[in-house]
Structure formats: C-alpha cells, structure tokens
Amino acid sequence: MVVSGAVTLANVAAVLEEGRRHVDEGVRVIDLGEVTEMDSSLLAALLAWLRDAKAKQGELAFAEMPEALRTLARLYGVDELLPVAAASH
C-alpha cells in the first residue's frame, strides 16, 4: 500500500479506513514516500494499523517514512514502536 498526498485531521479517517482494509488483506509494508503534507493524525493512523496487524498476528512495517514524521514520532516518544521496512532500492 502506498499512502500519497496530504494526510491531516481533515482526511485521516478515510486514510485510516483504507489502510485497515489493506492490513486486513495481509499487507506487510506501507509506503509513506508519497506523503506531501502531514500532521500528528498520520502518526495516530500508523499506530492504529500496527495494532490491527498485531491483533491478526501479522507484521507491519513502514517504508520511506518522511523525516517530519520521524521527528514527530521521536517527539511523542513512539519512534521505537514504528518498524521500518528495508529500502527497496
């Protein structure tokens, strides 16, 4: 799954539901490289997807995490909870 465009409080509910469908289908990597704008609601979505995957005994990792998101995760003290997928290139 690739998350693209802006992910903010204005649209995070739709992004969250789309991601949940993919996680339910067994997606193991979510690519964040095409996110153009974000706020802390994206971080909340990532944590929700991780919870969903764990509930299904699945694994989930994030690729191409924007630096701003990494900074937010560090600020909130949850950076170590976000598994990073190996670079594909």
Protein backbone atom coordinates (compact mmCIF):
# COMPACT_ATOMS: atom_id res chain seq x y z
CA MET A 1 0.00 0.00 0.00
CA VAL A 2 1.20 3.49 -0.83
CA VAL A 3 -0.08 6.49 1.12
CA SER A 4 0.09 9.62 -1.01
CA GLY A 5 -0.82 13.27 -0.81
CA ALA A 6 -1.80 15.09 2.35
CA VAL A 7 -2.74 13.17 5.49
CA THR A 8 -4.16 15.57 8.04
CA LEU A 9 -7.02 15.70 10.51
CA ALA A 10 -9.25 16.70 7.58
CA ASN A 11 -8.90 13.34 5.78
CA VAL A 12 -7.26 10.91 8.19
CA ALA A 13 -10.47 8.96 8.81
CA ALA A 14 -10.65 7.93 5.14
CA VAL A 15 -6.92 7.13 5.03
CA LEU A 16 -7.24 5.10 8.23
CA GLU A 17 -10.10 3.01 6.84
CA GLU A 18 -8.30 2.39 3.54
CA GLY A 19 -5.22 1.26 5.44
CA ARG A 20 -7.29 -1.03 7.64
CA ARG A 21 -8.69 -2.76 4.56
CA HIS A 22 -5.16 -3.35 3.28
CA VAL A 23 -3.94 -4.61 6.65
CA ASP A 24 -6.94 -6.97 6.79
CA GLU A 25 -5.87 -8.27 3.36
CA GLY A 26 -2.41 -9.05 4.70
CA VAL A 27 -0.35 -6.08 3.53
CA ARG A 28 3.01 -6.12 5.35
CA VAL A 29 4.55 -2.83 4.19
CA ILE A 30 3.01 0.61 3.94
CA ASP A 31 4.98 3.06 1.80
CA LEU A 32 4.84 6.66 3.02
CA GLY A 33 7.17 8.12 0.40
CA GLU A 34 4.42 9.98 -1.46
CA VAL A 35 3.00 11.82 1.57
CA THR A 36 3.19 15.52 0.74
CA GLU A 37 1.74 17.02 3.91
CA MET A 38 1.02 15.55 7.33
CA ASP A 39 0.26 16.20 10.94
CA SER A 40 0.14 14.06 14.04
CA SER A 41 -3.02 12.35 12.81
CA LEU A 42 -0.85 10.31 10.41
CA LEU A 43 1.18 9.08 13.36
CA ALA A 44 -2.06 8.02 15.07
CA ALA A 45 -3.09 6.13 11.91
CA LEU A 46 0.25 4.26 11.80
CA LEU A 47 -0.16 3.18 15.41
CA ALA A 48 -3.74 2.05 14.73
CA TRP A 49 -2.60 -0.02 11.73
CA LEU A 50 0.12 -1.62 13.84
CA ARG A 51 -2.47 -2.52 16.48
CA ASP A 52 -4.74 -4.01 13.80
CA ALA A 53 -1.90 -6.07 12.31
CA LYS A 54 -0.83 -7.32 15.72
CA ALA A 55 -4.40 -8.33 16.56
CA LYS A 56 -4.33 -10.54 13.45
CA GLN A 57 -0.92 -11.97 14.39
CA GLY A 58 0.51 -10.13 11.38
CA GLU A 59 3.57 -8.00 10.89
CA LEU A 60 3.62 -4.50 9.50
CA ALA A 61 6.44 -2.11 8.63
CA PHE A 62 6.68 1.35 7.11
CA ALA A 63 8.84 2.34 4.14
CA GLU A 64 10.04 5.76 3.02
CA MET A 65 8.97 7.45 6.24
CA PRO A 66 9.19 11.25 5.83
CA GLU A 67 11.69 12.94 8.14
CA ALA A 68 8.93 15.16 9.57
CA LEU A 69 7.06 12.03 10.63
CA ARG A 70 10.19 10.55 12.20
CA THR A 71 10.64 13.79 14.13
CA LEU A 72 7.04 13.73 15.35
CA ALA A 73 7.40 10.11 16.43
CA ARG A 74 10.54 10.98 18.41
CA LEU A 75 8.79 13.98 19.95
CA TYR A 76 5.91 11.79 21.13
CA GLY A 77 8.29 9.03 22.26
CA VAL A 78 6.86 6.38 19.94
CA ASP A 79 9.62 6.19 17.31
CA GLU A 80 10.77 2.79 18.54
CA LEU A 81 7.25 1.42 18.06
CA LEU A 82 7.35 2.06 14.30
CA PRO A 83 9.08 -0.76 12.39
CA VAL A 84 10.93 0.48 9.33
CA ALA A 85 10.93 -1.64 6.19
CA ALA A 86 14.24 -2.21 4.43
CA ALA A 87 14.79 0.13 1.50
CA SER A 88 13.71 -1.44 -1.76
CA HIS A 89 16.24 0.40 -3.91
